[in-house]
Amino acid sequence: MAQTQREKLDKQRIRQQRIRDRMKAERRPSRDDIARALLHWSITANVRKGRETLLFNLQTRIVEILVAQGFDEVAADASFDDLVDRYCEGWSFRRKQHLGTDDASSGPADLPAALAGLDAPDRD
């Protein structure tokens, strides 16, 4: 007997929830977690080192990719500019509460402080 579309969607929803629950239990970062960390690091390192051209090239390429996915170019460009502005003003990640410990002194409150010593590699 063939499954209805609703049954397929229900099975998929349950499967995805199990995957998310397992990743949370394993404290395994998602693709989006890694992408956010990489983008934050790329932007802040390039700003800190005065690499406006590299930052502009990064923005141009990311906006091109977003436009190819169907996003509006002007809106994508503005969103990237907003992120750069926020990061330059000190806006940072907040610790994911489900990954924290009960001991507030066990680590930094936000990621940039923990990553302050990591710089983008120099381009030759």
PDB file of N, CA and C in Angstrom:
ATOM      1  N   MET A   1       0.840  -1.182   0.000  1.00  0.00           N
ATOM      2  CA  MET A   1       0.000   0.000   0.000  1.00  0.00           C
ATOM      3  C   MET A   1       0.889   1.250   0.000  1.00  0.00           C
ATOM      4  N   ALA A   2       0.620   2.158  -0.877  1.00  0.00           N
ATOM      5  CA  ALA A   2       1.417   3.378  -1.001  1.00  0.00           C
ATOM      6  C   ALA A   2       1.108   4.341   0.143  1.00  0.00           C
ATOM      7  N   GLN A   3       2.161   5.010   0.588  1.00  0.00           N
ATOM      8  CA  GLN A   3       1.998   6.003   1.648  1.00  0.00           C
ATOM      9  C   GLN A   3       1.396   7.274   1.075  1.00  0.00           C
ATOM     10  N   THR A   4       0.609   7.916   1.875  1.00  0.00           N
ATOM     11  CA  THR A   4       0.092   9.214   1.458  1.00  0.00           C
ATOM     12  C   THR A   4       1.200  10.253   1.649  1.00  0.00           C
ATOM     13  N   GLN A   5       1.030  11.380   1.029  1.00  0.00           N
ATOM     14  CA  GLN A   5       1.997  12.470   1.177  1.00  0.00           C
ATOM     15  C   GLN A   5       2.108  12.881   2.641  1.00  0.00           C
ATOM     16  N   ARG A   6       0.988  12.894   3.328  1.00  0.00           N
ATOM     17  CA  ARG A   6       0.961  13.276   4.749  1.00  0.00           C
ATOM     18  C   ARG A   6       1.788  12.297   5.577  1.00  0.00           C
ATOM     19  N   GLU A   7       1.667  11.007   5.312  1.00  0.00           N
ATOM     20  CA  GLU A   7       2.431   9.993   6.049  1.00  0.00           C
ATOM     21  C   GLU A   7       3.925  10.148   5.797  1.00  0.00           C
ATOM     22  N   LYS A   8       4.285  10.425   4.563  1.00  0.00           N
ATOM     23  CA  LYS A   8       5.698  10.642   4.227  1.00  0.00           C
ATOM     24  C   LYS A   8       6.250  11.849   4.973  1.00  0.00           C
ATOM     25  N   LEU A   9       5.476  12.917   4.993  1.00  0.00           N
ATOM     26  CA  LEU A   9       5.917  14.127   5.690  1.00  0.00           C
ATOM     27  C   LEU A   9       6.033  13.890   7.197  1.00  0.00           C
ATOM     28  N   ASP A  10       5.098  13.137   7.754  1.00  0.00           N
ATOM     29  CA  ASP A  10       5.158  12.823   9.187  1.00  0.00           C
ATOM     30  C   ASP A  10       6.405  12.009   9.516  1.00  0.00           C
ATOM     31  N   LYS A  11       6.717  11.012   8.691  1.00  0.00           N
ATOM     32  CA  LYS A  11       7.920  10.200   8.910  1.00  0.00           C
ATOM     33  C   LYS A  11       9.180  11.055   8.799  1.00  0.00           C
ATOM     34  N   GLN A  12       9.208  11.939   7.824  1.00  0.00           N
ATOM     35  CA  GLN A  12      10.357  12.819   7.632  1.00  0.00           C
ATOM     36  C   GLN A  12      10.526  13.757   8.821  1.00  0.00           C
ATOM     37  N   ARG A  13       9.415  14.298   9.323  1.00  0.00           N
ATOM     38  CA  ARG A  13       9.458  15.196  10.474  1.00  0.00           C
ATOM     39  C   ARG A  13      10.011  14.473  11.698  1.00  0.00           C
ATOM     40  N   ILE A  14       9.561  13.253  11.928  1.00  0.00           N
ATOM     41  CA  ILE A  14      10.040  12.461  13.066  1.00  0.00           C
ATOM     42  C   ILE A  14      11.524  12.146  12.903  1.00  0.00           C
ATOM     43  N   ARG A  15      11.918  11.762  11.700  1.00  0.00           N
ATOM     44  CA  ARG A  15      13.332  11.453  11.426  1.00  0.00           C
ATOM     45  C   ARG A  15      14.215  12.674  11.673  1.00  0.00           C
ATOM     46  N   GLN A  16      13.801  13.834  11.176  1.00  0.00           N
ATOM     47  CA  GLN A  16      14.581  15.055  11.356  1.00  0.00           C
ATOM     48  C   GLN A  16      14.676  15.444  12.827  1.00  0.00           C
ATOM     49  N   GLN A  17      13.596  15.256  13.575  1.00  0.00           N
ATOM     50  CA  GLN A  17      13.636  15.580  14.999  1.00  0.00           C
ATOM     51  C   GLN A  17      14.618  14.671  15.725  1.00  0.00           C
ATOM     52  N   ARG A  18      14.654  13.398  15.362  1.00  0.00           N
ATOM     53  CA  ARG A  18      15.617  12.471  15.973  1.00  0.00           C
ATOM     54  C   ARG A  18      17.052  12.898  15.667  1.00  0.00           C
ATOM     55  N   ILE A  19      17.288  13.324  14.443  1.00  0.00           N
ATOM     56  CA  ILE A  19      18.627  13.788  14.061  1.00  0.00           C
ATOM     57  C   ILE A  19      19.004  15.022  14.875  1.00  0.00           C
ATOM     58  N   ARG A  20      18.087  15.986  14.983  1.00  0.00           N
ATOM     59  CA  ARG A  20      18.369  17.198  15.769  1.00  0.00           C
ATOM     60  C   ARG A  20      18.615  16.861  17.238  1.00  0.00           C
ATOM     61  N   ASP A  21      17.816  15.952  17.779  1.00  0.00           N
ATOM     62  CA  ASP A  21      17.994  15.549  19.181  1.00  0.00           C
ATOM     63  C   ASP A  21      19.345  14.873  19.390  1.00  0.00           C
ATOM     64  N   ARG A  22      19.742  14.012  18.448  1.00  0.00           N
ATOM     65  CA  ARG A  22      21.034  13.329  18.560  1.00  0.00           C
ATOM     66  C   ARG A  22      22.186  14.331  18.463  1.00  0.00           C
ATOM     67  N   MET A  23      22.092  15.268  17.528  1.00  0.00           N
ATOM     68  CA  MET A  23      23.142  16.279  17.383  1.00  0.00           C
ATOM     69  C   MET A  23      23.256  17.130  18.642  1.00  0.00           C
ATOM     70  N   LYS A  24      22.122  17.454  19.235  1.00  0.00           N
ATOM     71  CA  LYS A  24      22.126  18.237  20.469  1.00  0.00           C
ATOM     72  C   LYS A  24      22.785  17.443  21.589  1.00  0.00           C
ATOM     73  N   ALA A  25      22.429  16.176  21.715  1.00  0.00           N
ATOM     74  CA  ALA A  25      23.006  15.333  22.772  1.00  0.00           C
ATOM     75  C   ALA A  25      24.511  15.162  22.581  1.00  0.00           C
ATOM     76  N   GLU A  26      24.948  15.070  21.332  1.00  0.00           N
ATOM     77  CA  GLU A  26      26.376  14.901  21.023  1.00  0.00           C
ATOM     78  C   GLU A  26      27.118  16.232  21.013  1.00  0.00           C
ATOM     79  N   ARG A  27      26.364  17.337  21.142  1.00  0.00           N
ATOM     80  CA  ARG A  27      26.942  18.682  21.061  1.00  0.00           C
ATOM     81  C   ARG A  27      27.665  18.873  19.725  1.00  0.00           C
ATOM     82  N   ARG A  28      27.090  18.313  18.694  1.00  0.00           N
ATOM     83  CA  ARG A  28      27.663  18.374  17.355  1.00  0.00           C
ATOM     84  C   ARG A  28      27.103  19.599  16.624  1.00  0.00           C
ATOM     85  N   PRO A  29      27.976  20.472  16.128  1.00  0.00           N
ATOM     86  CA  PRO A  29      27.485  21.663  15.423  1.00  0.00           C
ATOM     87  C   PRO A  29      26.861  21.299  14.080  1.00  0.00           C
ATOM     88  N   SER A  30      25.851  22.052  13.718  1.00  0.00           N
ATOM     89  CA  SER A  30      25.215  21.865  12.416  1.00  0.00           C
ATOM     90  C   SER A  30      26.017  22.619  11.354  1.00  0.00           C
ATOM     91  N   ARG A  31      25.641  22.411  10.131  1.00  0.00           N
ATOM     92  CA  ARG A  31      26.252  23.154   9.027  1.00  0.00           C
ATOM     93  C   ARG A  31      26.056  24.652   9.239  1.00  0.00           C
ATOM     94  N   ASP A  32      24.873  25.038   9.697  1.00  0.00           N
ATOM     95  CA  ASP A  32      24.593  26.455   9.929  1.00  0.00           C
ATOM     96  C   ASP A  32      25.430  27.024  11.066  1.00  0.00           C
ATOM     97  N   ASP A  33      25.664  26.240  12.122  1.00  0.00           N
ATOM     98  CA  ASP A  33      26.520  26.695  13.227  1.00  0.00           C
ATOM     99  C   ASP A  33      27.930  26.979  12.716  1.00  0.00           C
ATOM    100  N   ILE A  34      28.443  26.067  11.907  1.00  0.00           N
ATOM    101  CA  ILE A  34      29.793  26.228  11.353  1.00  0.00           C
ATOM    102  C   ILE A  34      29.838  27.425  10.407  1.00  0.00           C
ATOM    103  N   ALA A  35      28.821  27.566   9.577  1.00  0.00           N
ATOM    104  CA  ALA A  35      28.779  28.686   8.628  1.00  0.00           C
ATOM    105  C   ALA A  35      28.728  30.027   9.357  1.00  0.00           C
ATOM    106  N   ARG A  36      27.930  30.109  10.431  1.00  0.00           N
ATOM    107  CA  ARG A  36      27.864  31.354  11.203  1.00  0.00           C
ATOM    108  C   ARG A  36      29.210  31.690  11.826  1.00  0.00           C
ATOM    109  N   ALA A  37      29.860  30.681  12.398  1.00  0.00           N
ATOM    110  CA  ALA A  37      31.168  30.913  13.026  1.00  0.00           C
ATOM    111  C   ALA A  37      32.193  31.346  11.982  1.00  0.00           C
ATOM    112  N   LEU A  38      32.188  30.688  10.830  1.00  0.00           N
ATOM    113  CA  LEU A  38      33.131  31.027   9.768  1.00  0.00           C
ATOM    114  C   LEU A  38      32.900  32.444   9.250  1.00  0.00           C
ATOM    115  N   LEU A  39      31.650  32.807   9.048  1.00  0.00           N
ATOM    116  CA  LEU A  39      31.359  34.147   8.545  1.00  0.00           C
ATOM    117  C   LEU A  39      31.763  35.207   9.568  1.00  0.00           C
ATOM    118  N   HIS A  40      31.445  34.977  10.827  1.00  0.00           N
ATOM    119  CA  HIS A  40      31.826  35.936  11.872  1.00  0.00           C
ATOM    120  C   HIS A  40      33.340  36.096  11.914  1.00  0.00           C
ATOM    121  N   TRP A  41      34.050  34.994  11.916  1.00  0.00           N
ATOM    122  CA  TRP A  41      35.516  35.024  11.951  1.00  0.00           C
ATOM    123  C   TRP A  41      36.073  35.735  10.722  1.00  0.00           C
ATOM    124  N   SER A  42      35.527  35.424   9.537  1.00  0.00           N
ATOM    125  CA  SER A  42      36.012  36.048   8.299  1.00  0.00           C
ATOM    126  C   SER A  42      35.813  37.561   8.320  1.00  0.00           C
ATOM    127  N   ILE A  43      34.646  37.980   8.729  1.00  0.00           N
ATOM    128  CA  ILE A  43      34.354  39.418   8.749  1.00  0.00           C
ATOM    129  C   ILE A  43      35.225  40.128   9.773  1.00  0.00           C
ATOM    130  N   THR A  44      35.229  39.644  11.007  1.00  0.00           N
ATOM    131  CA  THR A  44      35.951  40.363  12.061  1.00  0.00           C
ATOM    132  C   THR A  44      37.457  40.355  11.838  1.00  0.00           C
ATOM    133  N   ALA A  45      38.004  39.257  11.345  1.00  0.00           N
ATOM    134  CA  ALA A  45      39.450  39.206  11.093  1.00  0.00           C
ATOM    135  C   ALA A  45      39.835  40.168   9.974  1.00  0.00           C
ATOM    136  N   ASN A  46      39.031  40.220   8.912  1.00  0.00           N
ATOM    137  CA  ASN A  46      39.345  41.126   7.811  1.00  0.00           C
ATOM    138  C   ASN A  46      39.181  42.585   8.216  1.00  0.00           C
ATOM    139  N   VAL A  47      38.175  42.893   9.013  1.00  0.00           N
ATOM    140  CA  VAL A  47      38.003  44.267   9.501  1.00  0.00           C
ATOM    141  C   VAL A  47      39.166  44.637  10.409  1.00  0.00           C
ATOM    142  N   ARG A  48      39.502  43.754  11.343  1.00  0.00           N
ATOM    143  CA  ARG A  48      40.571  44.029  12.315  1.00  0.00           C
ATOM    144  C   ARG A  48      41.915  44.257  11.617  1.00  0.00           C
ATOM    145  N   LYS A  49      42.159  43.553  10.526  1.00  0.00           N
ATOM    146  CA  LYS A  49      43.434  43.687   9.819  1.00  0.00           C
ATOM    147  C   LYS A  49      43.378  44.714   8.687  1.00  0.00           C
ATOM    148  N   GLY A  50      42.249  45.424   8.560  1.00  0.00           N
ATOM    149  CA  GLY A  50      42.140  46.461   7.540  1.00  0.00           C
ATOM    150  C   GLY A  50      42.088  45.927   6.120  1.00  0.00           C
ATOM    151  N   ARG A  51      41.544  44.775   5.950  1.00  0.00           N
ATOM    152  CA  ARG A  51      41.483  44.146   4.620  1.00  0.00           C
ATOM    153  C   ARG A  51      40.132  44.409   3.957  1.00  0.00           C
ATOM    154  N   GLU A  52      39.884  45.659   3.634  1.00  0.00           N
ATOM    155  CA  GLU A  52      38.605  46.032   3.051  1.00  0.00           C
ATOM    156  C   GLU A  52      38.373  45.356   1.701  1.00  0.00           C
ATOM    157  N   THR A  53      39.426  45.218   0.900  1.00  0.00           N
ATOM    158  CA  THR A  53      39.275  44.596  -0.416  1.00  0.00           C
ATOM    159  C   THR A  53      38.865  43.138  -0.283  1.00  0.00           C
ATOM    160  N   LEU A  54      39.501  42.413   0.628  1.00  0.00           N
ATOM    161  CA  LEU A  54      39.128  41.013   0.837  1.00  0.00           C
ATOM    162  C   LEU A  54      37.703  40.903   1.359  1.00  0.00           C
ATOM    163  N   LEU A  55      37.328  41.803   2.257  1.00  0.00           N
ATOM    164  CA  LEU A  55      35.968  41.796   2.794  1.00  0.00           C
ATOM    165  C   LEU A  55      34.963  42.107   1.687  1.00  0.00           C
ATOM    166  N   PHE A  56      35.284  43.069   0.829  1.00  0.00           N
ATOM    167  CA  PHE A  56      34.412  43.399  -0.295  1.00  0.00           C
ATOM    168  C   PHE A  56      34.266  42.196  -1.224  1.00  0.00           C
ATOM    169  N   ASN A  57      35.378  41.510  -1.509  1.00  0.00           N
ATOM    170  CA  ASN A  57      35.323  40.330  -2.376  1.00  0.00           C
ATOM    171  C   ASN A  57      34.486  39.216  -1.748  1.00  0.00           C
ATOM    172  N   LEU A  58      34.624  39.035  -0.445  1.00  0.00           N
ATOM    173  CA  LEU A  58      33.824  38.044   0.270  1.00  0.00           C
ATOM    174  C   LEU A  58      32.341  38.392   0.152  1.00  0.00           C
ATOM    175  N   GLN A  59      32.013  39.653   0.388  1.00  0.00           N
ATOM    176  CA  GLN A  59      30.622  40.093   0.298  1.00  0.00           C
ATOM    177  C   GLN A  59      30.079  39.890  -1.109  1.00  0.00           C
ATOM    178  N   THR A  60      30.852  40.278  -2.101  1.00  0.00           N
ATOM    179  CA  THR A  60      30.413  40.148  -3.490  1.00  0.00           C
ATOM    180  C   THR A  60      30.082  38.704  -3.822  1.00  0.00           C
ATOM    181  N   ARG A  61      30.965  37.801  -3.444  1.00  0.00           N
ATOM    182  CA  ARG A  61      30.755  36.384  -3.761  1.00  0.00           C
ATOM    183  C   ARG A  61      29.566  35.806  -2.999  1.00  0.00           C
ATOM    184  N   ILE A  62      29.435  36.138  -1.724  1.00  0.00           N
ATOM    185  CA  ILE A  62      28.307  35.628  -0.943  1.00  0.00           C
ATOM    186  C   ILE A  62      26.990  36.145  -1.507  1.00  0.00           C
ATOM    187  N   VAL A  63      26.943  37.416  -1.868  1.00  0.00           N
ATOM    188  CA  VAL A  63      25.725  37.980  -2.449  1.00  0.00           C
ATOM    189  C   VAL A  63      25.412  37.290  -3.774  1.00  0.00           C
ATOM    190  N   GLU A  64      26.420  37.024  -4.591  1.00  0.00           N
ATOM    191  CA  GLU A  64      26.196  36.303  -5.853  1.00  0.00           C
ATOM    192  C   GLU A  64      25.567  34.937  -5.603  1.00  0.00           C
ATOM    193  N   ILE A  65      26.072  34.232  -4.610  1.00  0.00           N
ATOM    194  CA  ILE A  65      25.546  32.905  -4.279  1.00  0.00           C
ATOM    195  C   ILE A  65      24.098  33.009  -3.805  1.00  0.00           C
ATOM    196  N   LEU A  66      23.818  33.999  -2.963  1.00  0.00           N
ATOM    197  CA  LEU A  66      22.451  34.178  -2.462  1.00  0.00           C
ATOM    198  C   LEU A  66      21.485  34.540  -3.588  1.00  0.00           C
ATOM    199  N   VAL A  67      21.928  35.390  -4.507  1.00  0.00           N
ATOM    200  CA  VAL A  67      21.087  35.761  -5.651  1.00  0.00           C
ATOM    201  C   VAL A  67      20.806  34.532  -6.512  1.00  0.00           C
ATOM    202  N   ALA A  68      21.810  33.687  -6.710  1.00  0.00           N
ATOM    203  CA  ALA A  68      21.618  32.459  -7.486  1.00  0.00           C
ATOM    204  C   ALA A  68      20.600  31.529  -6.818  1.00  0.00           C
ATOM    205  N   GLN A  69      20.444  31.665  -5.510  1.00  0.00           N
ATOM    206  CA  GLN A  69      19.466  30.856  -4.778  1.00  0.00           C
ATOM    207  C   GLN A  69      18.080  31.496  -4.769  1.00  0.00           C
ATOM    208  N   GLY A  70      17.970  32.697  -5.343  1.00  0.00           N
ATOM    209  CA  GLY A  70      16.670  33.338  -5.454  1.00  0.00           C
ATOM    210  C   GLY A  70      16.451  34.543  -4.562  1.00  0.00           C
ATOM    211  N   PHE A  71      17.461  34.937  -3.782  1.00  0.00           N
ATOM    212  CA  PHE A  71      17.319  36.109  -2.924  1.00  0.00           C
ATOM    213  C   PHE A  71      17.510  37.380  -3.740  1.00  0.00           C
ATOM    214  N   ASP A  72      16.920  38.460  -3.255  1.00  0.00           N
ATOM    215  CA  ASP A  72      17.052  39.764  -3.889  1.00  0.00           C
ATOM    216  C   ASP A  72      18.467  40.298  -3.662  1.00  0.00           C
ATOM    217  N   GLU A  73      19.102  40.784  -4.722  1.00  0.00           N
ATOM    218  CA  GLU A  73      20.486  41.245  -4.632  1.00  0.00           C
ATOM    219  C   GLU A  73      20.649  42.427  -3.682  1.00  0.00           C
ATOM    220  N   VAL A  74      19.777  43.411  -3.803  1.00  0.00           N
ATOM    221  CA  VAL A  74      19.887  44.600  -2.949  1.00  0.00           C
ATOM    222  C   VAL A  74      19.670  44.217  -1.486  1.00  0.00           C
ATOM    223  N   ALA A  75      18.683  43.368  -1.233  1.00  0.00           N
ATOM    224  CA  ALA A  75      18.400  42.940   0.140  1.00  0.00           C
ATOM    225  C   ALA A  75      19.551  42.102   0.702  1.00  0.00           C
ATOM    226  N   ALA A  76      20.128  41.228  -0.114  1.00  0.00           N
ATOM    227  CA  ALA A  76      21.253  40.403   0.340  1.00  0.00           C
ATOM    228  C   ALA A  76      22.463  41.271   0.656  1.00  0.00           C
ATOM    229  N   ASP A  77      22.727  42.237  -0.198  1.00  0.00           N
ATOM    230  CA  ASP A  77      23.847  43.150   0.022  1.00  0.00           C
ATOM    231  C   ASP A  77      23.637  43.960   1.306  1.00  0.00           C
ATOM    232  N   ALA A  78      22.417  44.439   1.504  1.00  0.00           N
ATOM    233  CA  ALA A  78      22.103  45.209   2.715  1.00  0.00           C
ATOM    234  C   ALA A  78      22.228  44.338   3.965  1.00  0.00           C
ATOM    235  N   SER A  79      21.796  43.091   3.882  1.00  0.00           N
ATOM    236  CA  SER A  79      21.906  42.183   5.029  1.00  0.00           C
ATOM    237  C   SER A  79      23.360  41.936   5.394  1.00  0.00           C
ATOM    238  N   PHE A  80      24.210  41.766   4.390  1.00  0.00           N
ATOM    239  CA  PHE A  80      25.635  41.564   4.658  1.00  0.00           C
ATOM    240  C   PHE A  80      26.227  42.816   5.301  1.00  0.00           C
ATOM    241  N   ASP A  81      25.894  43.985   4.744  1.00  0.00           N
ATOM    242  CA  ASP A  81      26.375  45.250   5.330  1.00  0.00           C
ATOM    243  C   ASP A  81      25.941  45.378   6.786  1.00  0.00           C
ATOM    244  N   ASP A  82      24.693  45.000   7.071  1.00  0.00           N
ATOM    245  CA  ASP A  82      24.193  45.060   8.450  1.00  0.00           C
ATOM    246  C   ASP A  82      25.008  44.157   9.368  1.00  0.00           C
ATOM    247  N   LEU A  83      25.339  42.955   8.896  1.00  0.00           N
ATOM    248  CA  LEU A  83      26.164  42.047   9.710  1.00  0.00           C
ATOM    249  C   LEU A  83      27.534  42.649   9.988  1.00  0.00           C
ATOM    250  N   VAL A  84      28.159  43.197   8.953  1.00  0.00           N
ATOM    251  CA  VAL A  84      29.478  43.808   9.131  1.00  0.00           C
ATOM    252  C   VAL A  84      29.386  44.936  10.155  1.00  0.00           C
ATOM    253  N   ASP A  85      28.371  45.784  10.011  1.00  0.00           N
ATOM    254  CA  ASP A  85      28.197  46.890  10.965  1.00  0.00           C
ATOM    255  C   ASP A  85      28.013  46.372  12.386  1.00  0.00           C
ATOM    256  N   ARG A  86      27.184  45.365  12.548  1.00  0.00           N
ATOM    257  CA  ARG A  86      26.941  44.812  13.889  1.00  0.00           C
ATOM    258  C   ARG A  86      28.213  44.216  14.478  1.00  0.00           C
ATOM    259  N   TYR A  87      28.930  43.451  13.664  1.00  0.00           N
ATOM    260  CA  TYR A  87      30.165  42.838  14.159  1.00  0.00           C
ATOM    261  C   TYR A  87      31.187  43.910  14.526  1.00  0.00           C
ATOM    262  N   CYS A  88      31.265  44.983  13.737  1.00  0.00           N
ATOM    263  CA  CYS A  88      32.205  46.073  14.029  1.00  0.00           C
ATOM    264  C   CYS A  88      31.828  46.820  15.309  1.00  0.00           C
ATOM    265  N   GLU A  89      30.549  46.830  15.625  1.00  0.00           N
ATOM    266  CA  GLU A  89      30.077  47.497  16.842  1.00  0.00           C
ATOM    267  C   GLU A  89      30.157  46.587  18.064  1.00  0.00           C
ATOM    268  N   GLY A  90      30.704  45.384  17.870  1.00  0.00           N
ATOM    269  CA  GLY A  90      30.869  44.483  19.003  1.00  0.00           C
ATOM    270  C   GLY A  90      29.774  43.453  19.172  1.00  0.00           C
ATOM    271  N   TRP A  91      28.827  43.404  18.242  1.00  0.00           N
ATOM    272  CA  TRP A  91      27.760  42.404  18.316  1.00  0.00           C
ATOM    273  C   TRP A  91      28.390  41.038  18.142  1.00  0.00           C
ATOM    274  N   SER A  92      28.012  40.118  18.974  1.00  0.00           N
ATOM    275  CA  SER A  92      28.650  38.810  18.902  1.00  0.00           C
ATOM    276  C   SER A  92      27.638  37.707  19.113  1.00  0.00           C
ATOM    277  N   PHE A  93      28.128  36.513  18.931  1.00  0.00           N
ATOM    278  CA  PHE A  93      27.310  35.339  19.194  1.00  0.00           C
ATOM    279  C   PHE A  93      26.987  35.267  20.669  1.00  0.00           C
ATOM    280  N   ARG A  94      25.881  34.688  20.959  1.00  0.00           N
ATOM    281  CA  ARG A  94      25.558  34.360  22.332  1.00  0.00           C
ATOM    282  C   ARG A  94      25.704  32.855  22.450  1.00  0.00           C
ATOM    283  N   ARG A  95      26.152  32.456  23.590  1.00  0.00           N
ATOM    284  CA  ARG A  95      26.318  31.034  23.840  1.00  0.00           C
ATOM    285  C   ARG A  95      24.968  30.340  23.676  1.00  0.00           C
ATOM    286  N   LYS A  96      24.972  29.194  23.034  1.00  0.00           N
ATOM    287  CA  LYS A  96      23.757  28.397  22.929  1.00  0.00           C
ATOM    288  C   LYS A  96      23.510  27.772  24.290  1.00  0.00           C
ATOM    289  N   GLN A  97      22.400  28.121  24.884  1.00  0.00           N
ATOM    290  CA  GLN A  97      22.132  27.715  26.259  1.00  0.00           C
ATOM    291  C   GLN A  97      22.169  26.202  26.440  1.00  0.00           C
ATOM    292  N   HIS A  98      21.704  25.460  25.444  1.00  0.00           N
ATOM    293  CA  HIS A  98      21.679  24.004  25.595  1.00  0.00           C
ATOM    294  C   HIS A  98      23.080  23.392  25.561  1.00  0.00           C
ATOM    295  N   LEU A  99      24.084  24.172  25.173  1.00  0.00           N
ATOM    296  CA  LEU A  99      25.460  23.672  25.153  1.00  0.00           C
ATOM    297  C   LEU A  99      26.244  24.095  26.381  1.00  0.00           C
ATOM    298  N   GLY A 100      25.690  25.017  27.139  1.00  0.00           N
ATOM    299  CA  GLY A 100      26.393  25.539  28.303  1.00  0.00           C
ATOM    300  C   GLY A 100      26.403  24.556  29.458  1.00  0.00           C
ATOM    301  N   THR A 101      27.129  24.961  30.482  1.00  0.00           N
ATOM    302  CA  THR A 101      27.162  24.179  31.708  1.00  0.00           C
ATOM    303  C   THR A 101      26.460  24.976  32.787  1.00  0.00           C
ATOM    304  N   ASP A 102      26.246  24.363  33.915  1.00  0.00           N
ATOM    305  CA  ASP A 102      25.627  25.069  35.034  1.00  0.00           C
ATOM    306  C   ASP A 102      26.588  26.068  35.655  1.00  0.00           C
ATOM    307  N   ASP A 103      27.880  25.881  35.421  1.00  0.00           N
ATOM    308  CA  ASP A 103      28.910  26.743  36.000  1.00  0.00           C
ATOM    309  C   ASP A 103      29.188  27.903  35.056  1.00  0.00           C
ATOM    310  N   ALA A 104      28.757  29.091  35.426  1.00  0.00           N
ATOM    311  CA  ALA A 104      28.917  30.264  34.555  1.00  0.00           C
ATOM    312  C   ALA A 104      30.374  30.615  34.320  1.00  0.00           C
ATOM    313  N   SER A 105      31.274  30.193  35.211  1.00  0.00           N
ATOM    314  CA  SER A 105      32.687  30.532  35.052  1.00  0.00           C
ATOM    315  C   SER A 105      33.438  29.514  34.203  1.00  0.00           C
ATOM    316  N   SER A 106      32.714  28.557  33.623  1.00  0.00           N
ATOM    317  CA  SER A 106      33.392  27.491  32.893  1.00  0.00           C
ATOM    318  C   SER A 106      33.882  27.910  31.523  1.00  0.00           C
ATOM    319  N   GLY A 107      33.461  29.061  31.036  1.00  0.00           N
ATOM    320  CA  GLY A 107      33.911  29.469  29.721  1.00  0.00           C
ATOM    321  C   GLY A 107      33.448  30.867  29.392  1.00  0.00           C
ATOM    322  N   PRO A 108      33.847  31.367  28.230  1.00  0.00           N
ATOM    323  CA  PRO A 108      33.482  32.720  27.836  1.00  0.00           C
ATOM    324  C   PRO A 108      31.988  32.834  27.560  1.00  0.00           C
ATOM    325  N   ALA A 109      31.464  34.021  27.763  1.00  0.00           N
ATOM    326  CA  ALA A 109      30.041  34.254  27.536  1.00  0.00           C
ATOM    327  C   ALA A 109      29.711  34.327  26.053  1.00  0.00           C
ATOM    328  N   ASP A 110      30.670  34.698  25.239  1.00  0.00           N
ATOM    329  CA  ASP A 110      30.422  34.760  23.811  1.00  0.00           C
ATOM    330  C   ASP A 110      31.661  34.329  23.044  1.00  0.00           C
ATOM    331  N   LEU A 111      31.440  33.936  21.807  1.00  0.00           N
ATOM    332  CA  LEU A 111      32.509  33.339  21.021  1.00  0.00           C
ATOM    333  C   LEU A 111      33.655  34.268  20.654  1.00  0.00           C
ATOM    334  N   PRO A 112      33.427  35.505  20.261  1.00  0.00           N
ATOM    335  CA  PRO A 112      34.554  36.318  19.830  1.00  0.00           C
ATOM    336  C   PRO A 112      35.658  36.432  20.871  1.00  0.00           C
ATOM    337  N   ALA A 113      35.313  36.511  22.133  1.00  0.00           N
ATOM    338  CA  ALA A 113      36.347  36.585  23.165  1.00  0.00           C
ATOM    339  C   ALA A 113      37.186  35.316  23.156  1.00  0.00           C
ATOM    340  N   ALA A 114      36.551  34.190  22.943  1.00  0.00           N
ATOM    341  CA  ALA A 114      37.267  32.918  22.919  1.00  0.00           C
ATOM    342  C   ALA A 114      38.141  32.798  21.681  1.00  0.00           C
ATOM    343  N   LEU A 115      37.760  33.483  20.624  1.00  0.00           N
ATOM    344  CA  LEU A 115      38.479  33.371  19.362  1.00  0.00           C
ATOM    345  C   LEU A 115      39.382  34.563  19.090  1.00  0.00           C
ATOM    346  N   ALA A 116      39.541  35.429  20.057  1.00  0.00           N
ATOM    347  CA  ALA A 116      40.270  36.683  19.840  1.00  0.00           C
ATOM    348  C   ALA A 116      41.673  36.462  19.310  1.00  0.00           C
ATOM    349  N   GLY A 117      42.310  35.375  19.676  1.00  0.00           N
ATOM    350  CA  GLY A 117      43.675  35.133  19.231  1.00  0.00           C
ATOM    351  C   GLY A 117      43.775  34.498  17.860  1.00  0.00           C
ATOM    352  N   LEU A 118      42.650  34.147  17.256  1.00  0.00           N
ATOM    353  CA  LEU A 118      42.677  33.494  15.953  1.00  0.00           C
ATOM    354  C   LEU A 118      42.480  34.521  14.858  1.00  0.00           C
ATOM    355  N   ASP A 119      43.436  34.629  13.987  1.00  0.00           N
ATOM    356  CA  ASP A 119      43.345  35.576  12.883  1.00  0.00           C
ATOM    357  C   ASP A 119      43.199  34.832  11.574  1.00  0.00           C
ATOM    358  N   ALA A 120      42.659  35.536  10.602  1.00  0.00           N
ATOM    359  CA  ALA A 120      42.599  34.979   9.259  1.00  0.00           C
ATOM    360  C   ALA A 120      44.018  34.847   8.734  1.00  0.00           C
ATOM    361  N   PRO A 121      44.291  33.794   7.988  1.00  0.00           N
ATOM    362  CA  PRO A 121      45.643  33.645   7.453  1.00  0.00           C
ATOM    363  C   PRO A 121      45.976  34.771   6.484  1.00  0.00           C
ATOM    364  N   ASP A 122      47.238  35.151   6.465  1.00  0.00           N
ATOM    365  CA  ASP A 122      47.683  36.186   5.536  1.00  0.00           C
ATOM    366  C   ASP A 122      47.648  35.638   4.123  1.00  0.00           C
ATOM    367  N   ARG A 123      47.200  36.477   3.198  1.00  0.00           N
ATOM    368  CA  ARG A 123      47.194  36.084   1.783  1.00  0.00           C
ATOM    369  C   ARG A 123      48.463  36.592   1.139  1.00  0.00           C
ATOM    370  N   ASP A 124      49.060  35.744   0.387  1.00  0.00           N
ATOM    371  CA  ASP A 124      50.282  36.140  -0.334  1.00  0.00           C
ATOM    372  C   ASP A 124      49.953  36.699  -1.685  1.00  0.00           C
TER     373      ASP A 124
END
